[in-house]
Amino acid sequence: MTGAARATEDREPVIQVRGLLSQFGERVIHQDLDLEVMRGQILGVVGGSGTGKTVLLNSIIGLKEPEGGEVRLFGRDRAAMTKAEAEAVERRTGVLFQQGALFSSLTVLENVASPLVEHTRLPKATIRELAEMKVAMVGLKPEALYLKPAELSGGMRKRVGLARALALDPELVFLDEPTAGLDPIGAAAFDDLIRQLSDDLGLTVFMITHDLDSLYAICDEVAVLADKRVVAKAPVAELERSDHPWIKEYFLGPRGRAAHKSAA
């Protein structure tokens, strides 16, 4: 079953954002922003420079306190969570940051094991076994386990970051520009990996991306940030018919047409 089919079947919102206000000093980034992400969905998030894509992600996962509005994860109001409730929600989510955010002094195995060390009391042998499984799950060979980030290619670092994001068997995964810096072949392989993991594990995926090929290849819907809010949220085919100037330029410009032709 695809993510779109799961989302239609369950109709359960995993992420709910209502009336979000985000600002830095006098500069307003988001105002009255609303967004829902349904269980099992792969949602792409796009927008021009300065539209606050990463600010939105950080507001949802709790790295930034919104100046107004409400963020709910798994039906719980983030602002009203106790510390224990916030930790429980954190265990149900995984995050792949844009640069991977790997610990440079740790091996691949140690990086992937770090959430298990932090959030569980499992025996060391069990943690090691689980970390090895996650590394294999993202398509890396056993010899990569003992390498450090500086010894990895860009694509391998992305996969290690994804393995770490999956360490606690999350239901919801946030990806910030997962294919940035990858060559087209590597980016396509990473897209395939995300789609396969979403289908196999029933993941809900919130993915910030500039990669049009990713939007066409794996996203069930795309949310467009512009004018300080989400101006559209729909499948790509529907967005192609939008009259919004930025959406028309993005999806129907030369790069958009090329991505459409590639996906056809």
Protein backbone atom coordinates (compact mmCIF):
# COMPACT_ATOMS: atom_id res chain seq x y z
CA MET A 1 0.00 0.00 0.00
CA THR A 2 1.34 3.40 -0.91
CA GLY A 3 1.55 6.36 1.45
CA ALA A 4 -1.30 8.04 -0.41
CA ALA A 5 -3.51 5.01 0.07
CA ARG A 6 -2.67 4.79 3.77
CA ALA A 7 -3.39 8.49 4.23
CA THR A 8 -6.78 8.15 2.55
CA GLU A 9 -7.66 5.06 4.54
CA ASP A 10 -6.66 6.23 8.00
CA ARG A 11 -7.37 9.97 7.75
CA GLU A 12 -5.52 10.49 11.02
CA PRO A 13 -3.49 13.70 11.26
CA VAL A 14 -0.04 13.08 12.70
CA ILE A 15 0.97 16.75 12.44
CA GLN A 16 -1.48 19.63 12.95
CA VAL A 17 -0.35 23.24 12.75
CA ARG A 18 -2.94 25.95 13.39
CA GLY A 19 -2.46 29.71 13.10
CA LEU A 20 1.32 29.49 13.42
CA LEU A 21 3.14 32.77 14.01
CA SER A 22 6.94 32.68 13.64
CA GLN A 23 9.13 35.73 13.86
CA PHE A 24 12.63 36.92 14.66
CA GLY A 25 12.43 40.35 16.23
CA GLU A 26 10.22 42.45 13.99
CA ARG A 27 10.61 40.11 11.04
CA VAL A 28 7.54 37.90 10.61
CA ILE A 29 8.30 34.58 8.89
CA HIS A 30 4.93 32.84 9.22
CA GLN A 31 1.52 34.28 10.01
CA ASP A 32 -1.72 32.29 10.34
CA LEU A 33 -0.02 29.23 8.86
CA ASP A 34 -2.11 26.05 8.84
CA LEU A 35 -0.91 22.58 7.87
CA GLU A 36 -1.96 18.96 8.38
CA VAL A 37 0.05 15.86 7.58
CA MET A 38 -1.83 12.58 7.55
CA ARG A 39 -0.53 9.26 8.79
CA GLY A 40 1.41 7.33 6.14
CA GLN A 41 1.83 10.34 3.87
CA ILE A 42 5.03 11.56 2.25
CA LEU A 43 4.65 15.33 2.23
CA GLY A 44 7.10 17.51 0.33
CA VAL A 45 7.54 21.09 1.57
CA VAL A 46 8.75 23.71 -0.90
CA GLY A 47 9.07 27.47 -1.02
CA GLY A 48 11.37 30.25 -2.08
CA SER A 49 14.33 31.49 -0.09
CA GLY A 50 13.23 33.12 3.15
CA THR A 51 9.83 31.42 3.33
CA GLY A 52 10.84 29.61 6.52
CA LYS A 53 10.84 25.95 5.56
CA THR A 54 13.39 24.99 8.20
CA VAL A 55 11.79 27.38 10.71
CA LEU A 56 8.55 25.45 10.22
CA LEU A 57 10.31 22.13 10.74
CA ASN A 58 12.03 23.43 13.89
CA SER A 59 8.73 24.75 15.22
CA ILE A 60 7.11 21.35 14.75
CA ILE A 61 9.90 19.32 16.35
CA GLY A 62 10.37 21.75 19.24
CA LEU A 63 13.68 23.42 18.40
CA LYS A 64 11.91 26.77 18.05
CA GLU A 65 9.10 28.08 20.23
CA PRO A 66 6.38 29.65 18.05
CA GLU A 67 5.31 33.19 18.82
CA GLY A 68 1.70 32.15 18.33
CA GLY A 69 -0.58 29.39 17.17
CA GLU A 70 -0.64 25.69 17.97
CA VAL A 71 1.44 22.68 16.99
CA ARG A 72 0.08 19.21 17.68
CA LEU A 73 1.95 15.94 17.18
CA PHE A 74 0.06 12.66 17.42
CA GLY A 75 -2.90 14.68 18.74
CA ARG A 76 -0.93 16.31 21.57
CA ASP A 77 -0.40 20.04 21.91
CA ARG A 78 3.37 20.50 21.97
CA ALA A 79 3.18 23.60 24.17
CA ALA A 80 1.18 21.74 26.82
CA MET A 81 3.34 18.60 26.97
CA THR A 82 5.08 17.60 30.16
CA LYS A 83 8.76 16.69 29.90
CA ALA A 84 7.87 13.00 29.94
CA GLU A 85 5.26 13.48 27.20
CA ALA A 86 7.71 15.44 25.05
CA GLU A 87 10.30 12.68 25.43
CA ALA A 88 7.70 10.07 24.46
CA VAL A 89 6.85 12.05 21.31
CA GLU A 90 10.55 12.47 20.54
CA ARG A 91 10.95 8.71 20.58
CA ARG A 92 8.19 8.42 17.96
CA THR A 93 9.99 10.80 15.60
CA GLY A 94 13.29 10.83 13.71
CA VAL A 95 15.10 13.75 12.07
CA LEU A 96 17.62 13.88 9.23
CA PHE A 97 19.13 17.35 9.23
CA GLN A 98 20.40 18.90 6.00
CA GLN A 99 24.11 18.35 6.66
CA GLY A 100 23.53 15.01 8.38
CA ALA A 101 24.64 16.44 11.76
CA LEU A 102 26.76 13.36 12.42
CA PHE A 103 29.19 13.36 15.33
CA SER A 104 32.57 13.69 13.62
CA SER A 105 34.49 11.87 16.35
CA LEU A 106 32.19 8.81 16.31
CA THR A 107 32.09 5.88 13.91
CA VAL A 108 29.03 5.09 11.80
CA LEU A 109 28.04 2.42 14.31
CA GLU A 110 28.37 4.83 17.25
CA ASN A 111 26.43 7.57 15.45
CA VAL A 112 23.52 5.29 14.65
CA ALA A 113 23.55 3.81 18.15
CA SER A 114 23.50 7.22 19.87
CA PRO A 115 19.66 7.60 20.08
CA LEU A 116 19.43 4.09 21.52
CA VAL A 117 22.06 4.92 24.14
CA GLU A 118 20.28 8.16 25.02
CA HIS A 119 16.69 6.94 25.12
CA THR A 120 16.83 3.28 26.13
CA ARG A 121 18.40 1.06 28.75
CA LEU A 122 19.03 -1.80 26.40
CA PRO A 123 22.17 -3.92 26.84
CA LYS A 124 25.17 -2.80 24.81
CA ALA A 125 25.06 -5.95 22.70
CA THR A 126 21.41 -5.34 21.79
CA ILE A 127 22.10 -1.70 20.93
CA ARG A 128 24.94 -2.77 18.69
CA GLU A 129 22.79 -5.36 16.93
CA LEU A 130 19.97 -2.86 16.35
CA ALA A 131 22.39 -0.23 15.04
CA GLU A 132 23.90 -2.76 12.63
CA MET A 133 20.37 -3.61 11.40
CA LYS A 134 19.58 0.06 10.73
CA VAL A 135 22.82 0.53 8.81
CA ALA A 136 21.98 -2.49 6.66
CA MET A 137 18.40 -1.21 6.22
CA VAL A 138 19.62 1.96 4.49
CA GLY A 139 21.81 0.00 2.10
CA LEU A 140 25.27 0.39 3.64
CA LYS A 141 27.71 -2.51 3.81
CA PRO A 142 29.09 -3.83 7.13
CA GLU A 143 32.55 -2.37 6.45
CA ALA A 144 31.05 1.12 6.76
CA LEU A 145 30.28 0.55 10.44
CA TYR A 146 33.77 1.51 11.60
CA LEU A 147 34.31 4.53 9.36
CA LYS A 148 34.00 8.09 10.59
CA PRO A 149 31.98 10.78 8.79
CA ALA A 150 35.07 12.32 7.17
CA GLU A 151 35.74 8.98 5.46
CA LEU A 152 32.27 8.79 3.89
CA SER A 153 30.92 10.12 0.62
CA GLY A 154 28.06 12.60 0.71
CA GLY A 155 25.55 9.92 -0.18
CA MET A 156 26.86 7.61 2.53
CA ARG A 157 26.60 10.38 5.14
CA LYS A 158 22.97 10.93 4.16
CA ARG A 159 22.28 7.22 4.60
CA VAL A 160 23.99 7.16 7.99
CA GLY A 161 21.91 10.15 9.05
CA LEU A 162 18.77 8.35 7.91
CA ALA A 163 19.80 5.17 9.76
CA ARG A 164 20.23 7.23 12.94
CA ALA A 165 16.84 8.89 12.37
CA LEU A 166 15.31 5.40 12.17
CA ALA A 167 17.16 4.03 15.21
CA LEU A 168 14.16 4.20 17.56
CA ASP A 169 11.68 2.81 15.01
CA PRO A 170 9.85 6.14 14.64
CA GLU A 171 6.41 6.60 13.12
CA LEU A 172 7.22 10.08 11.81
CA VAL A 173 10.42 11.17 10.06
CA PHE A 174 11.53 14.70 9.20
CA LEU A 175 13.97 15.13 6.31
CA ASP A 176 15.63 18.49 5.62
CA GLU A 177 16.92 18.62 2.03
CA PRO A 178 17.79 14.89 1.98
CA THR A 179 19.12 14.87 -1.60
CA ALA A 180 20.99 18.21 -1.47
CA GLY A 181 24.56 17.81 -2.71
CA LEU A 182 23.97 14.39 -4.26
CA ASP A 183 24.49 13.64 -7.94
CA PRO A 184 21.33 12.70 -9.90
CA ILE A 185 21.94 8.97 -9.62
CA GLY A 186 22.60 9.18 -5.89
CA ALA A 187 19.56 11.42 -5.38
CA ALA A 188 17.30 9.01 -7.28
CA ALA A 189 18.60 6.10 -5.21
CA PHE A 190 17.93 8.01 -2.01
CA ASP A 191 14.40 8.84 -3.19
CA ASP A 192 13.79 5.15 -3.87
CA LEU A 193 15.08 4.30 -0.39
CA ILE A 194 12.73 6.78 1.29
CA ARG A 195 9.73 5.54 -0.67
CA GLN A 196 10.55 1.91 0.07
CA LEU A 197 11.08 2.53 3.80
CA SER A 198 7.86 4.52 3.99
CA ASP A 199 5.90 1.72 2.37
CA ASP A 200 7.58 -1.08 4.34
CA LEU A 201 7.53 0.61 7.76
CA GLY A 202 4.37 2.69 7.44
CA LEU A 203 6.31 5.91 8.01
CA THR A 204 4.88 9.39 7.78
CA VAL A 205 7.47 11.64 6.11
CA PHE A 206 7.77 15.45 6.26
CA MET A 207 10.39 16.35 3.67
CA ILE A 208 11.77 19.79 2.88
CA THR A 209 13.28 19.73 -0.58
CA HIS A 210 14.22 21.82 -3.60
CA ASP A 211 14.53 18.67 -5.70
CA LEU A 212 11.74 18.63 -8.27
CA ASP A 213 12.59 15.05 -9.20
CA SER A 214 11.91 14.01 -5.58
CA LEU A 215 8.54 15.76 -5.58
CA TYR A 216 7.45 13.94 -8.72
CA ALA A 217 8.95 10.59 -7.73
CA ILE A 218 7.86 10.00 -4.16
CA CYS A 219 5.65 12.72 -2.67
CA ASP A 220 1.95 12.06 -2.13
CA GLU A 221 1.32 15.78 -1.68
CA VAL A 222 3.37 18.98 -1.70
CA ALA A 223 2.86 21.95 0.64
CA VAL A 224 3.93 25.29 -0.83
CA LEU A 225 5.14 28.06 1.50
CA ALA A 226 4.65 31.60 0.22
CA ASP A 227 3.15 34.83 1.54
CA LYS A 228 4.01 33.72 5.12
CA ARG A 229 1.72 30.69 5.01
CA VAL A 230 0.90 27.47 3.18
CA VAL A 231 -0.73 28.72 -0.01
CA ALA A 232 -1.39 25.25 -1.45
CA LYS A 233 -1.19 21.59 -0.41
CA ALA A 234 -1.97 19.07 -3.11
CA PRO A 235 -0.50 16.39 -5.38
CA VAL A 236 1.97 17.73 -7.92
CA ALA A 237 -0.45 17.18 -10.80
CA GLU A 238 -2.92 19.53 -9.14
CA LEU A 239 -0.28 22.14 -8.32
CA GLU A 240 0.66 22.25 -12.00
CA ARG A 241 -2.77 23.78 -12.62
CA SER A 242 -2.36 26.49 -9.95
CA ASP A 243 -2.60 30.17 -10.84
CA HIS A 244 -0.27 31.25 -8.03
CA PRO A 245 2.74 33.00 -9.67
CA TRP A 246 5.45 31.26 -7.65
CA ILE A 247 3.86 27.83 -8.07
CA LYS A 248 3.51 28.33 -11.83
CA GLU A 249 7.14 29.38 -12.15
CA TYR A 250 8.38 26.53 -9.96
CA PHE A 251 6.44 23.67 -11.53
CA LEU A 252 6.00 24.92 -15.07
CA GLY A 253 9.39 26.57 -15.60
CA PRO A 254 12.19 24.76 -17.48
CA ARG A 255 13.30 22.66 -14.50
CA GLY A 256 9.74 21.73 -13.61
CA ARG A 257 8.98 20.64 -17.16
CA ALA A 258 12.15 18.54 -17.20
CA ALA A 259 11.21 16.83 -13.91
CA HIS A 260 7.68 16.19 -15.19
CA LYS A 261 9.02 14.65 -18.39
CA SER A 262 11.43 12.47 -16.38
CA ALA A 263 8.64 11.24 -14.10
CA ALA A 264 6.24 10.50 -16.97
